[in-house]
């Protein structure tokens, strides 16, 4: 008779501090890369328009591209830590 594997416990959502760190880890490099890639073009824009362009490009990258990966990484790290 084989032992049944114990069902995996769901990983709880991140705390406010964990989420803040995850957002910072996603946003800072994204904004840095966008500024490096579009810097010369962005300098010709007014500050409000520059901010609008940065936010329009960065938000989808962070929300749809980076945050899901960071959530998966966090879940994997917590699962591995719980299993020793």
Protein backbone atom coordinates (compact mmCIF):
# COMPACT_ATOMS: atom_id res chain seq x y z
CA UNK A 1 0.00 0.00 0.00
CA UNK A 2 1.51 3.31 -1.06
CA UNK A 3 1.35 6.44 1.02
CA UNK A 4 -0.72 9.23 -0.41
CA UNK A 5 1.13 12.50 -0.89
CA UNK A 6 -0.14 15.22 1.38
CA UNK A 7 -1.98 17.91 -0.54
CA UNK A 8 -0.01 21.11 -0.95
CA UNK A 9 -1.19 23.92 1.24
CA UNK A 10 -1.96 27.06 -0.72
CA UNK A 11 0.58 29.83 -0.32
CA UNK A 12 -0.96 32.80 1.48
CA UNK A 13 -1.01 36.15 -0.28
CA UNK A 14 1.99 38.38 0.28
CA UNK A 15 2.07 40.73 3.23
CA UNK A 16 1.99 44.46 2.52
CA UNK A 17 5.75 44.60 3.01
CA UNK A 18 6.40 41.64 0.70
CA UNK A 19 4.12 43.12 -1.95
CA UNK A 20 5.83 46.51 -1.67
CA UNK A 21 9.22 44.85 -2.17
CA UNK A 22 7.93 42.81 -5.12
CA UNK A 23 6.51 45.93 -6.76
CA UNK A 24 9.77 47.82 -6.22
CA UNK A 25 11.78 44.92 -7.67
CA UNK A 26 9.54 45.00 -10.76
CA UNK A 27 9.13 48.76 -11.20
CA UNK A 28 12.65 50.10 -10.64
CA UNK A 29 14.43 48.02 -13.31
CA UNK A 30 11.54 48.49 -15.73
CA UNK A 31 11.64 52.27 -15.43
CA UNK A 32 15.44 52.25 -15.64
CA UNK A 33 15.40 50.22 -18.86
CA UNK A 34 12.66 52.35 -20.41
CA UNK A 35 14.58 55.50 -19.54
CA UNK A 36 17.76 54.08 -21.05
CA UNK A 37 15.95 52.93 -24.20
CA UNK A 38 13.83 56.04 -24.73
CA UNK A 39 15.84 58.62 -22.78
CA UNK A 40 16.79 60.90 -25.65
CA UNK A 41 13.22 60.93 -26.95
CA UNK A 42 11.72 61.39 -23.47
CA UNK A 43 13.81 64.49 -22.75
CA UNK A 44 11.96 66.34 -25.51
CA UNK A 45 8.63 65.83 -23.72
CA UNK A 46 7.11 67.88 -20.94
CA UNK A 47 7.34 66.26 -17.49
CA UNK A 48 3.63 65.35 -17.47
CA UNK A 49 3.75 63.79 -20.93
CA UNK A 50 7.03 61.99 -20.08
CA UNK A 51 5.39 60.53 -16.96
CA UNK A 52 2.35 59.48 -18.99
CA UNK A 53 4.53 57.67 -21.55
CA UNK A 54 6.59 55.96 -18.83
CA UNK A 55 3.47 54.82 -16.97
CA UNK A 56 1.75 53.67 -20.17
CA UNK A 57 4.72 51.49 -21.09
CA UNK A 58 5.78 50.36 -17.60
CA UNK A 59 2.44 49.41 -16.02
CA UNK A 60 1.52 46.61 -18.46
CA UNK A 61 5.07 45.24 -18.35
CA UNK A 62 4.99 45.15 -14.55
CA UNK A 63 1.42 43.91 -14.07
CA UNK A 64 1.20 41.34 -16.87
CA UNK A 65 4.84 40.36 -17.27
CA UNK A 66 6.83 40.72 -14.08
CA UNK A 67 4.42 40.49 -11.14
CA UNK A 68 3.05 37.04 -12.08
CA UNK A 69 6.62 35.75 -12.28
CA UNK A 70 7.49 37.30 -8.92
CA UNK A 71 4.37 35.74 -7.34
CA UNK A 72 5.37 32.32 -8.72
CA UNK A 73 8.93 32.75 -7.48
CA UNK A 74 7.68 33.75 -4.03
CA UNK A 75 5.35 30.74 -3.90
CA UNK A 76 8.17 28.39 -4.96
CA UNK A 77 10.53 29.83 -2.36
CA UNK A 78 7.95 29.53 0.40
CA UNK A 79 7.03 25.97 -0.64
CA UNK A 80 10.66 24.87 -0.73
CA UNK A 81 11.34 26.52 2.63
CA UNK A 82 8.35 24.72 4.17
CA UNK A 83 9.58 21.35 2.89
CA UNK A 84 13.09 21.83 4.14
